[in-house]
Amino acid sequence: MTIADFQKLMADLYLEHDTRRGLGGTFMWFMEEVGELSTALRSGTREEIENEFADAFAWLTTLANLAGIDADAAVTRKYGTGCPCCNTSPCSCVQKP
């Protein structure tokens, strides 16, 4: 499944509900999922971590739908040629400690 396929799936499944909730309310749900991902990364099982990654990605994609952003195009535009700063892959930027 591509990013574009997943974004369409989220729209097909949830756009009606998400539109009623609005961008602000949906953003709060996204933040809750990021918190759950944080908890899972600290002390969850692999399955719990995978589930929380999926949930956080789903809510992020939902936000893109509500904001009218093509997530696939945005990711490709920013990262399609490598690091957005040095344009290499892997990144060759000097890392700060």
N, C-alpha and C. Protein backbone atom coordinates (compact mmCIF):
# COMPACT_ATOMS: atom_id res chain seq x y z
N MET A 1 0.85 -1.18 0.00
CA MET A 1 0.00 0.00 0.00
C MET A 1 0.90 1.24 0.00
N THR A 2 0.61 2.18 -0.86
CA THR A 2 1.38 3.43 -0.91
C THR A 2 0.81 4.44 0.09
N ILE A 3 1.54 5.52 0.28
CA ILE A 3 1.02 6.59 1.14
C ILE A 3 -0.29 7.12 0.55
N ALA A 4 -0.33 7.30 -0.76
CA ALA A 4 -1.55 7.79 -1.41
C ALA A 4 -2.72 6.81 -1.22
N ASP A 5 -2.45 5.51 -1.35
CA ASP A 5 -3.49 4.50 -1.13
C ASP A 5 -4.02 4.58 0.30
N PHE A 6 -3.09 4.72 1.25
CA PHE A 6 -3.50 4.77 2.66
C PHE A 6 -4.30 6.03 2.94
N GLN A 7 -3.89 7.16 2.37
CA GLN A 7 -4.62 8.41 2.59
C GLN A 7 -6.04 8.29 2.04
N LYS A 8 -6.19 7.67 0.87
CA LYS A 8 -7.52 7.46 0.31
C LYS A 8 -8.34 6.52 1.19
N LEU A 9 -7.72 5.47 1.70
CA LEU A 9 -8.42 4.55 2.59
C LEU A 9 -8.95 5.28 3.83
N MET A 10 -8.11 6.13 4.43
CA MET A 10 -8.55 6.87 5.61
C MET A 10 -9.71 7.80 5.26
N ALA A 11 -9.65 8.41 4.08
CA ALA A 11 -10.75 9.28 3.65
C ALA A 11 -12.03 8.46 3.44
N ASP A 12 -11.89 7.33 2.78
CA ASP A 12 -13.05 6.48 2.52
C ASP A 12 -13.68 5.99 3.82
N LEU A 13 -12.85 5.64 4.78
CA LEU A 13 -13.35 5.10 6.05
C LEU A 13 -13.90 6.18 6.98
N TYR A 14 -13.21 7.32 7.09
CA TYR A 14 -13.47 8.23 8.20
C TYR A 14 -13.71 9.69 7.86
N LEU A 15 -13.61 10.10 6.60
CA LEU A 15 -13.66 11.53 6.29
C LEU A 15 -14.94 12.20 6.78
N GLU A 16 -16.06 11.52 6.67
CA GLU A 16 -17.32 12.12 7.13
C GLU A 16 -17.25 12.44 8.63
N HIS A 17 -16.79 11.49 9.43
CA HIS A 17 -16.66 11.71 10.88
C HIS A 17 -15.61 12.77 11.17
N ASP A 18 -14.49 12.68 10.47
CA ASP A 18 -13.38 13.61 10.71
C ASP A 18 -13.77 15.04 10.37
N THR A 19 -14.53 15.21 9.31
CA THR A 19 -14.98 16.55 8.92
C THR A 19 -15.87 17.15 9.99
N ARG A 20 -16.76 16.35 10.55
CA ARG A 20 -17.63 16.85 11.64
C ARG A 20 -16.79 17.24 12.86
N ARG A 21 -15.75 16.46 13.16
CA ARG A 21 -14.90 16.73 14.32
C ARG A 21 -14.07 17.98 14.09
N GLY A 22 -13.64 18.19 12.86
CA GLY A 22 -12.85 19.36 12.50
C GLY A 22 -11.36 19.15 12.71
N LEU A 23 -10.61 20.09 12.17
CA LEU A 23 -9.16 20.01 12.22
C LEU A 23 -8.63 20.07 13.66
N GLY A 24 -9.17 20.98 14.47
CA GLY A 24 -8.69 21.12 15.85
C GLY A 24 -8.92 19.87 16.68
N GLY A 25 -10.13 19.34 16.62
CA GLY A 25 -10.44 18.13 17.37
C GLY A 25 -9.65 16.93 16.89
N THR A 26 -9.46 16.85 15.60
CA THR A 26 -8.69 15.74 15.04
C THR A 26 -7.23 15.85 15.43
N PHE A 27 -6.73 17.07 15.47
CA PHE A 27 -5.34 17.26 15.91
C PHE A 27 -5.17 16.78 17.35
N MET A 28 -6.13 17.03 18.20
CA MET A 28 -6.04 16.57 19.59
C MET A 28 -6.02 15.04 19.65
N TRP A 29 -6.81 14.37 18.81
CA TRP A 29 -6.77 12.90 18.76
C TRP A 29 -5.40 12.43 18.30
N PHE A 30 -4.83 13.12 17.31
CA PHE A 30 -3.49 12.77 16.83
C PHE A 30 -2.48 12.89 17.97
N MET A 31 -2.55 13.96 18.73
CA MET A 31 -1.61 14.14 19.84
C MET A 31 -1.77 13.05 20.89
N GLU A 32 -2.99 12.63 21.15
CA GLU A 32 -3.22 11.53 22.08
C GLU A 32 -2.54 10.26 21.57
N GLU A 33 -2.66 10.00 20.27
CA GLU A 33 -2.02 8.81 19.70
C GLU A 33 -0.50 8.90 19.77
N VAL A 34 0.05 10.08 19.58
CA VAL A 34 1.50 10.26 19.72
C VAL A 34 1.92 9.95 21.16
N GLY A 35 1.11 10.36 22.12
CA GLY A 35 1.39 10.04 23.52
C GLY A 35 1.34 8.54 23.77
N GLU A 36 0.37 7.86 23.17
CA GLU A 36 0.29 6.42 23.32
C GLU A 36 1.48 5.73 22.66
N LEU A 37 1.95 6.27 21.54
CA LEU A 37 3.15 5.73 20.89
C LEU A 37 4.35 5.90 21.80
N SER A 38 4.46 7.05 22.43
CA SER A 38 5.56 7.31 23.36
C SER A 38 5.57 6.29 24.50
N THR A 39 4.41 6.04 25.06
CA THR A 39 4.29 5.06 26.14
C THR A 39 4.68 3.67 25.64
N ALA A 40 4.20 3.30 24.47
CA ALA A 40 4.51 1.97 23.93
C ALA A 40 6.01 1.82 23.66
N LEU A 41 6.63 2.87 23.15
CA LEU A 41 8.08 2.80 22.88
C LEU A 41 8.87 2.60 24.16
N ARG A 42 8.39 3.16 25.26
CA ARG A 42 9.10 3.02 26.54
C ARG A 42 8.89 1.66 27.18
N SER A 43 7.67 1.12 27.06
CA SER A 43 7.41 -0.09 27.85
C SER A 43 6.47 -1.09 27.19
N GLY A 44 6.19 -0.91 25.91
CA GLY A 44 5.23 -1.79 25.25
C GLY A 44 5.88 -3.00 24.59
N THR A 45 5.02 -3.93 24.24
CA THR A 45 5.48 -5.08 23.46
C THR A 45 5.65 -4.63 22.01
N ARG A 46 6.29 -5.44 21.21
CA ARG A 46 6.45 -5.11 19.79
C ARG A 46 5.09 -4.90 19.12
N GLU A 47 4.13 -5.75 19.45
CA GLU A 47 2.79 -5.62 18.87
C GLU A 47 2.14 -4.29 19.26
N GLU A 48 2.27 -3.90 20.52
CA GLU A 48 1.71 -2.62 20.96
C GLU A 48 2.38 -1.45 20.24
N ILE A 49 3.70 -1.52 20.08
CA ILE A 49 4.43 -0.46 19.38
C ILE A 49 3.97 -0.37 17.93
N GLU A 50 3.85 -1.51 17.26
CA GLU A 50 3.38 -1.52 15.87
C GLU A 50 1.99 -0.91 15.76
N ASN A 51 1.10 -1.29 16.66
CA ASN A 51 -0.26 -0.77 16.64
C ASN A 51 -0.29 0.74 16.84
N GLU A 52 0.54 1.24 17.74
CA GLU A 52 0.56 2.69 18.00
C GLU A 52 1.18 3.45 16.84
N PHE A 53 2.20 2.87 16.17
CA PHE A 53 2.73 3.50 14.96
C PHE A 53 1.62 3.61 13.91
N ALA A 54 0.88 2.54 13.73
CA ALA A 54 -0.21 2.54 12.75
C ALA A 54 -1.26 3.58 13.10
N ASP A 55 -1.63 3.66 14.38
CA ASP A 55 -2.63 4.65 14.80
C ASP A 55 -2.14 6.08 14.58
N ALA A 56 -0.90 6.36 14.98
CA ALA A 56 -0.36 7.71 14.81
C ALA A 56 -0.30 8.08 13.33
N PHE A 57 0.11 7.14 12.48
CA PHE A 57 0.18 7.40 11.04
C PHE A 57 -1.22 7.63 10.48
N ALA A 58 -2.20 6.87 10.95
CA ALA A 58 -3.57 7.03 10.48
C ALA A 58 -4.10 8.42 10.83
N TRP A 59 -3.87 8.87 12.05
CA TRP A 59 -4.36 10.19 12.45
C TRP A 59 -3.60 11.30 11.73
N LEU A 60 -2.30 11.13 11.48
CA LEU A 60 -1.55 12.12 10.73
C LEU A 60 -2.10 12.23 9.30
N THR A 61 -2.40 11.09 8.71
CA THR A 61 -2.96 11.07 7.36
C THR A 61 -4.34 11.71 7.34
N THR A 62 -5.11 11.48 8.38
CA THR A 62 -6.43 12.10 8.50
C THR A 62 -6.30 13.62 8.56
N LEU A 63 -5.31 14.11 9.30
CA LEU A 63 -5.08 15.55 9.34
C LEU A 63 -4.75 16.09 7.96
N ALA A 64 -3.95 15.35 7.20
CA ALA A 64 -3.63 15.76 5.83
C ALA A 64 -4.91 15.84 5.00
N ASN A 65 -5.79 14.87 5.14
CA ASN A 65 -7.06 14.90 4.42
C ASN A 65 -7.85 16.16 4.75
N LEU A 66 -7.97 16.45 6.02
CA LEU A 66 -8.75 17.62 6.44
C LEU A 66 -8.12 18.93 6.00
N ALA A 67 -6.80 18.96 5.92
CA ALA A 67 -6.09 20.18 5.53
C ALA A 67 -5.97 20.30 4.01
N GLY A 68 -6.42 19.28 3.28
CA GLY A 68 -6.33 19.32 1.83
C GLY A 68 -4.92 19.10 1.30
N ILE A 69 -4.12 18.33 2.05
CA ILE A 69 -2.73 18.07 1.68
C ILE A 69 -2.61 16.66 1.11
N ASP A 70 -1.96 16.55 -0.03
CA ASP A 70 -1.62 15.25 -0.61
C ASP A 70 -0.33 14.81 0.09
N ALA A 71 -0.46 13.91 1.07
CA ALA A 71 0.69 13.49 1.88
C ALA A 71 1.79 12.87 1.05
N ASP A 72 1.43 12.05 0.07
CA ASP A 72 2.43 11.42 -0.79
C ASP A 72 3.24 12.47 -1.54
N ALA A 73 2.56 13.44 -2.11
CA ALA A 73 3.26 14.50 -2.85
C ALA A 73 4.13 15.34 -1.92
N ALA A 74 3.63 15.63 -0.72
CA ALA A 74 4.41 16.43 0.22
C ALA A 74 5.69 15.72 0.65
N VAL A 75 5.58 14.43 0.94
CA VAL A 75 6.75 13.64 1.35
C VAL A 75 7.74 13.53 0.20
N THR A 76 7.22 13.27 -0.99
CA THR A 76 8.10 13.15 -2.16
C THR A 76 8.81 14.46 -2.45
N ARG A 77 8.08 15.57 -2.38
CA ARG A 77 8.66 16.88 -2.65
C ARG A 77 9.78 17.20 -1.65
N LYS A 78 9.56 16.87 -0.39
CA LYS A 78 10.55 17.24 0.63
C LYS A 78 11.71 16.26 0.72
N TYR A 79 11.43 14.95 0.63
CA TYR A 79 12.46 13.94 0.87
C TYR A 79 12.81 13.08 -0.35
N GLY A 80 12.20 13.35 -1.49
CA GLY A 80 12.37 12.52 -2.67
C GLY A 80 13.78 12.49 -3.24
N THR A 81 14.58 13.51 -2.94
CA THR A 81 15.96 13.52 -3.45
C THR A 81 16.98 13.30 -2.34
N GLY A 82 16.52 12.88 -1.18
CA GLY A 82 17.42 12.65 -0.05
C GLY A 82 17.16 13.68 1.05
N CYS A 83 18.19 13.92 1.83
CA CYS A 83 18.09 14.89 2.92
C CYS A 83 17.72 16.26 2.35
N PRO A 84 16.71 16.92 2.91
CA PRO A 84 16.31 18.21 2.38
C PRO A 84 17.38 19.31 2.57
N CYS A 85 18.34 19.08 3.43
CA CYS A 85 19.39 20.08 3.64
C CYS A 85 20.58 19.88 2.70
N CYS A 86 21.07 18.65 2.60
CA CYS A 86 22.29 18.39 1.82
C CYS A 86 22.01 17.63 0.52
N ASN A 87 20.76 17.19 0.32
CA ASN A 87 20.35 16.44 -0.88
C ASN A 87 21.15 15.16 -1.12
N THR A 88 21.65 14.55 -0.04
CA THR A 88 22.35 13.27 -0.19
C THR A 88 21.59 12.20 0.59
N SER A 89 21.88 10.95 0.23
CA SER A 89 21.31 9.81 0.94
C SER A 89 22.36 8.72 1.03
N PRO A 90 22.80 8.36 2.24
CA PRO A 90 22.34 8.92 3.51
C PRO A 90 22.80 10.37 3.70
N CYS A 91 22.17 11.02 4.64
CA CYS A 91 22.47 12.41 4.95
C CYS A 91 23.96 12.57 5.29
N SER A 92 24.55 13.63 4.74
CA SER A 92 25.96 13.92 5.06
C SER A 92 26.10 15.23 5.82
N CYS A 93 24.99 15.74 6.37
CA CYS A 93 25.06 16.96 7.18
C CYS A 93 25.88 16.70 8.42
N VAL A 94 26.55 17.71 8.91
CA VAL A 94 27.28 17.60 10.17
C VAL A 94 26.25 17.57 11.30
N GLN A 95 26.27 16.50 12.07
CA GLN A 95 25.31 16.35 13.17
C GLN A 95 25.82 17.07 14.41
N LYS A 96 24.92 17.78 15.06
CA LYS A 96 25.26 18.44 16.33
C LYS A 96 24.99 17.44 17.46
N PRO A 97 25.86 17.46 18.49
CA PRO A 97 25.64 16.51 19.60
C PRO A 97 24.37 16.78 20.37
